[in-house]
Protein backbone atom coordinates (compact mmCIF):
# COMPACT_ATOMS: atom_id res chain seq x y z
CA MET A 1 51.01 31.30 17.56
CA ASN A 2 49.43 31.96 14.82
CA MET A 3 45.24 31.53 14.62
CA LYS A 4 45.71 30.31 11.02
CA GLY A 5 47.02 26.47 11.31
CA GLY A 6 49.23 24.62 8.61
CA VAL A 7 51.62 28.16 8.46
CA GLY A 8 54.48 25.93 10.70
CA LYS A 9 54.15 27.02 14.36
CA THR A 10 55.22 23.97 15.05
CA THR A 11 58.45 23.44 12.78
CA VAL A 12 59.64 26.93 13.66
CA ALA A 13 59.23 26.44 17.17
CA CYS A 14 61.05 22.95 17.07
CA HIS A 15 64.01 24.38 15.00
CA LEU A 16 64.33 27.53 16.91
CA ALA A 17 64.53 25.06 20.05
CA GLY A 18 67.41 22.87 18.58
CA LEU A 19 69.60 25.37 16.91
CA ALA A 20 69.23 27.81 19.62
CA ALA A 21 71.09 25.21 22.27
CA ARG A 22 73.61 24.45 19.73
CA GLU A 23 74.68 28.30 18.42
CA LYS A 24 75.15 31.24 19.68
CA LEU A 25 72.87 32.56 16.96
CA GLY A 26 74.32 36.35 18.02
CA ARG A 27 74.58 35.58 21.97
CA LEU A 28 77.81 34.94 23.72
CA SER A 29 77.01 31.40 23.69
CA ALA A 30 74.07 28.59 23.18
CA SER A 31 71.17 28.62 24.77
CA LYS A 32 69.52 26.69 27.45
CA VAL A 33 65.89 26.08 26.50
CA LEU A 34 62.35 24.81 27.37
CA LEU A 35 59.84 23.89 25.01
CA ILE A 36 56.66 23.48 26.14
CA ASP A 37 53.95 22.12 23.89
CA TYR A 38 51.08 23.70 24.80
CA ASP A 39 48.96 21.90 21.96
CA PRO A 40 46.69 19.03 22.40
CA GLN A 41 47.89 17.60 18.73
CA PHE A 42 51.10 17.21 20.68
CA ASN A 43 53.69 17.24 17.17
CA ALA A 44 55.92 19.00 18.70
CA SER A 45 56.03 16.21 21.47
CA GLN A 46 56.41 13.87 18.21
CA ALA A 47 59.05 15.71 17.02
CA TRP A 48 61.55 15.49 19.26
CA MET A 49 60.45 12.51 21.87
CA PRO A 50 60.53 8.73 21.18
CA ILE A 51 56.84 7.24 21.24
CA SER A 52 58.02 5.35 24.35
CA THR A 53 58.54 7.99 26.67
CA HIS A 54 55.93 10.17 25.44
CA LEU A 55 53.68 7.51 26.29
CA THR A 56 55.06 6.93 29.73
CA ARG A 57 54.86 10.93 30.62
CA GLU A 58 51.42 9.84 29.61
CA SER A 59 50.40 7.78 31.63
CA GLU A 60 52.36 9.09 35.01
CA GLY A 61 50.36 12.86 34.17
CA LYS A 62 53.63 14.73 33.43
CA THR A 63 52.76 16.47 30.64
CA THR A 64 51.55 20.18 29.74
CA LEU A 65 48.35 19.22 31.50
CA SER A 66 50.07 19.12 35.10
CA ILE A 67 50.60 22.75 35.16
CA LEU A 68 46.61 23.36 34.97
CA MET A 69 45.50 20.33 36.89
CA ASP A 70 46.31 19.06 40.03
CA ASP A 71 45.30 15.12 38.83
CA PRO A 72 45.28 15.25 35.24
CA ARG A 73 45.45 10.95 34.61
CA ASN A 74 41.73 10.63 34.70
CA VAL A 75 40.23 13.37 32.80
CA ASP A 76 36.30 13.25 31.75
CA PRO A 77 35.84 15.99 29.01
CA PHE A 78 31.93 15.21 29.83
CA SER A 79 32.20 16.56 33.39
CA LEU A 80 33.49 19.91 34.75
CA HIS A 81 36.82 19.31 36.84
CA PRO A 82 37.38 21.14 40.10
CA ILE A 83 40.76 22.97 39.75
CA ASN A 84 42.66 24.32 42.49
CA HIS A 85 45.55 26.98 42.69
CA PHE A 86 47.94 24.71 44.46
CA PRO A 87 51.54 25.46 43.73
CA PRO A 88 52.73 24.78 40.40
CA PRO A 89 54.53 21.32 39.84
CA ASP A 90 58.55 21.15 40.10
CA PHE A 91 59.58 21.56 36.71
CA ARG A 92 61.93 18.47 37.47
CA ASP A 93 59.53 16.45 37.54
CA LEU A 94 57.93 17.55 34.00
CA ILE A 95 60.83 18.03 31.86
CA VAL A 96 62.14 15.77 29.65
CA ARG A 97 65.80 16.41 28.15
CA VAL A 98 65.69 16.05 24.54
CA ALA A 99 69.21 17.38 23.32
CA THR A 100 72.26 18.67 24.95
CA ASN A 101 75.76 19.43 23.86
CA SER A 102 78.73 21.35 26.10
CA VAL A 103 76.98 24.54 26.47
CA GLY A 104 72.92 24.58 25.81
CA HIS A 105 70.57 21.74 25.50
CA VAL A 106 66.66 21.63 25.31
CA ASP A 107 64.10 20.57 27.72
CA MET A 108 60.70 19.65 26.91
CA ILE A 109 57.11 19.62 28.64
CA PRO A 110 54.88 17.15 26.38
CA SER A 111 51.58 17.79 25.71
CA THR A 112 48.39 15.53 25.37
CA LEU A 113 45.23 15.11 23.95
CA ASP A 114 43.78 15.43 27.12
CA LEU A 115 44.54 18.90 27.12
CA MET A 116 41.41 19.74 24.68
CA TYR A 117 39.30 18.67 27.66
CA VAL A 118 40.43 21.38 29.83
CA ALA A 119 38.86 23.95 27.24
CA LEU A 120 35.76 22.10 26.39
CA GLY A 121 35.31 21.15 30.05
CA GLN A 122 35.95 23.75 32.01
CA PRO A 123 33.46 26.66 32.99
CA ASN A 124 34.44 30.07 32.53
CA LYS A 125 34.83 30.90 36.22
CA ASN A 126 37.85 28.35 36.41
CA ASN A 127 39.46 29.85 33.71
CA ASP A 128 41.37 32.59 35.97
CA ILE A 129 42.68 29.58 38.17
CA ILE A 130 44.39 27.85 35.06
CA LYS A 131 45.90 31.71 34.42
CA GLU A 132 47.14 32.00 37.80
CA ARG A 133 48.85 28.10 37.72
CA PHE A 134 50.21 28.74 34.43
CA THR A 135 51.67 32.26 35.41
CA ASP A 136 53.08 30.72 38.46
CA PHE A 137 54.68 27.71 36.66
CA ILE A 138 56.53 29.83 33.93
CA ARG A 139 57.50 32.43 37.08
CA SER A 140 59.40 29.69 38.54
CA VAL A 141 61.10 28.31 35.44
CA LYS A 142 62.25 31.54 33.91
CA PRO A 143 65.59 31.92 35.93
CA LYS A 144 66.37 28.38 34.58
CA TYR A 145 66.51 29.08 30.79
CA ASP A 146 67.65 31.67 28.54
CA LEU A 147 64.99 31.25 26.39
CA ILE A 148 61.48 29.33 26.95
CA ILE A 149 59.18 28.44 23.67
CA ILE A 150 55.78 27.49 23.58
CA ASP A 151 54.21 26.29 20.86
CA CYS A 152 50.42 26.88 20.95
CA HIS A 153 47.84 25.40 18.91
CA PRO A 154 45.70 27.38 16.07
CA ALA A 155 43.03 28.60 18.01
CA ALA A 156 41.71 31.62 20.42
CA SER A 157 41.91 29.96 23.98
CA VAL A 158 42.34 29.27 27.55
CA PHE A 159 45.86 28.09 26.18
CA THR A 160 46.59 30.98 23.56
CA GLN A 161 45.58 33.70 26.70
CA THR A 162 48.07 31.96 29.49
CA SER A 163 51.06 32.05 26.86
CA LEU A 164 50.09 35.60 26.10
CA SER A 165 49.74 37.00 29.62
CA THR A 166 53.26 35.25 29.99
CA SER A 167 55.50 36.58 26.99
CA ASP A 168 57.87 38.97 26.00
CA HIS A 169 57.67 38.30 22.49
CA VAL A 170 55.35 36.11 19.81
CA VAL A 171 56.57 34.87 16.57
CA ILE A 172 54.15 34.53 13.96
CA PRO A 173 54.70 32.28 11.38
CA ALA A 174 52.70 33.19 7.89
CA ARG A 175 52.40 31.78 4.75
CA PRO A 176 52.12 34.65 2.07
CA ASP A 177 48.39 34.25 0.45
CA ARG A 178 45.39 35.73 -0.15
CA PHE A 179 44.38 35.23 3.28
CA ALA A 180 47.06 35.91 5.31
CA VAL A 181 46.46 39.70 5.55
CA ARG A 182 43.31 39.25 7.39
CA GLY A 183 44.51 36.46 9.46
CA LEU A 184 47.56 38.41 10.47
CA ALA A 185 45.20 41.60 11.39
CA MET A 186 43.30 39.45 13.57
CA MET A 187 46.13 37.94 15.22
CA ASN A 188 47.56 41.42 16.04
CA ARG A 189 44.45 42.54 17.51
CA PHE A 190 44.12 39.46 19.23
CA ILE A 191 47.92 40.10 20.82
CA GLN A 192 46.97 43.68 21.70
CA GLY A 193 43.85 42.95 23.37
CA ARG A 194 45.91 41.62 25.90
CA GLY A 195 44.59 44.35 27.92
CA PRO A 196 46.61 47.91 29.52
CA GLN A 197 47.68 46.35 32.82
CA ARG A 198 49.58 44.17 30.75
CA SER A 199 53.38 44.57 30.12
CA PRO A 200 53.63 45.12 26.44
CA ILE A 201 54.48 42.07 23.78
CA MET A 202 56.38 42.20 20.63
CA ALA A 203 55.32 40.44 17.72
CA HIS A 204 57.31 39.07 15.00
CA ILE A 205 56.00 37.91 11.66
CA LEU A 206 58.20 35.12 9.92
CA PHE A 207 57.58 34.44 6.38
CA ASN A 208 58.11 30.89 6.30
CA ASP A 209 57.59 28.21 3.56
CA VAL A 210 58.02 30.42 0.78
CA PRO A 211 59.00 29.79 -2.47
CA ALA A 212 62.64 30.75 -4.04
CA GLY A 213 63.21 34.29 -5.41
CA ALA A 214 61.15 37.83 -5.18
CA ALA A 215 58.45 38.28 -2.49
CA SER A 216 55.12 37.33 -3.67
CA ASP A 217 52.25 40.15 -4.02
CA GLN A 218 50.91 39.19 -0.97
CA GLU A 219 53.82 39.68 0.94
CA ILE A 220 54.63 43.03 -0.50
CA ALA A 221 51.21 43.60 0.57
CA ILE A 222 51.53 43.01 4.02
CA ARG A 223 55.13 44.49 4.31
CA ALA A 224 53.71 47.63 2.89
CA ASP A 225 50.80 47.56 5.21
CA ARG A 226 50.71 50.36 8.04
CA GLN A 227 50.27 48.03 10.78
CA LEU A 228 51.52 44.47 9.55
CA GLY A 229 54.65 46.22 7.86
CA PRO A 230 56.50 47.00 11.59
CA LEU A 231 55.97 43.53 12.53
CA CYS A 232 57.38 42.14 9.71
CA LEU A 233 60.97 40.19 9.87
CA ARG A 234 63.58 40.84 7.47
CA GLU A 235 64.82 37.80 7.14
CA ARG A 236 62.37 34.35 5.27
CA ILE A 237 62.36 30.95 5.26
CA LYS A 238 61.91 29.25 1.98
CA HIS A 239 60.19 25.92 1.15
CA TRP A 240 62.47 23.35 2.04
CA SER A 241 61.21 19.85 2.30
CA HIS A 242 64.23 19.00 5.33
CA LEU A 243 61.99 20.89 7.72
CA SER A 244 59.31 18.43 7.81
CA LYS A 245 61.20 15.40 8.87
CA PRO A 246 62.03 15.51 11.86
CA SER A 247 60.33 12.70 14.18
CA GLU A 248 61.58 11.15 17.99
CA GLY A 249 64.64 13.57 18.28
CA ARG A 250 66.29 13.03 14.86
CA ASN A 251 66.29 13.93 11.09
CA PHE A 252 66.72 17.66 11.70
CA VAL A 253 68.19 19.44 9.55
CA TRP A 254 71.55 19.56 11.64
CA ASP A 255 71.45 15.82 11.19
CA GLN A 256 70.64 14.96 7.58
CA LYS A 257 73.19 14.45 5.08
CA VAL A 258 70.98 15.29 1.97
CA ALA A 259 71.22 17.76 -1.06
CA TYR A 260 70.33 21.36 -0.22
CA ARG A 261 71.12 20.35 3.56
CA LYS A 262 73.47 23.43 4.33
CA ALA A 263 71.10 25.70 2.09
CA ALA A 264 68.38 24.91 4.33
CA LEU A 265 70.45 25.40 7.43
CA ASP A 266 71.77 28.53 6.60
CA ASN A 267 68.52 29.79 5.74
CA ILE A 268 66.92 29.25 9.21
CA ARG A 269 70.45 29.99 11.19
CA VAL A 270 70.23 33.45 9.77
CA ALA A 271 66.28 33.76 9.95
CA PHE A 272 66.34 32.95 13.75
CA THR A 273 69.39 35.05 14.64
CA GLU A 274 67.19 38.15 13.43
CA ILE A 275 64.74 36.58 15.90
CA MET A 276 67.36 35.93 18.89
CA GLY A 277 68.61 39.67 18.20
CA LYS A 278 65.33 41.01 18.74
CA ILE A 279 64.39 39.07 21.78
CA TYR A 280 67.80 39.95 23.60
């Protein structure tokens, strides 16, 4: 999660999911991972899922929207939709297995553009029910997976609120530029604003897409900040064109056979091992 767009949230989420299912990353074995695409732009779904599969899941109403609504197939952005607190759907009806090996796997719940209509068309009084439905669903799937990753969109909304209310950790990908300090401070306040009744959530700032070599002045300033510095992960992900290649479940770094592929893979492996060490 990061309120700022274009910082690599989906790239980090997709590669962390795939690598955690392939490798131990500091654990005793690879992980059983659930990746929830909670962004109406559904970029994570496009990275992991064939277009035909995604279109079929949308037509069947088997997307993230199904967690929030009983019948998501006829959403009208110009009318209000009653949302009832029925039991959450069976996760087995929503997941698509997009990667597997002898130990770990990645299951995915795809997103849909219609997800945005929930935020646009619902009165505030319905948000509590949406939050309860999402919380109940996450509670039901937690025992089934070692790691659940929620890829969020860059805005403060009912989606980011429900994500935070069900999460133990939030990874904040960040590009160190002159606007980053203000954005990260705002993000930290938003996380802390979950309220005293919530269990603590651990925030981790991951510098992403950084140039090779020494840290920039902006990164140094963020690491020196009294509030933000303790949240910064030691490892950084450098700029690799390899990370922008995945589409329809192919061309992830571990699939590529191009120059610097090993260096890129080693870089994200070390960064993700640090993240997993924070989680477990």
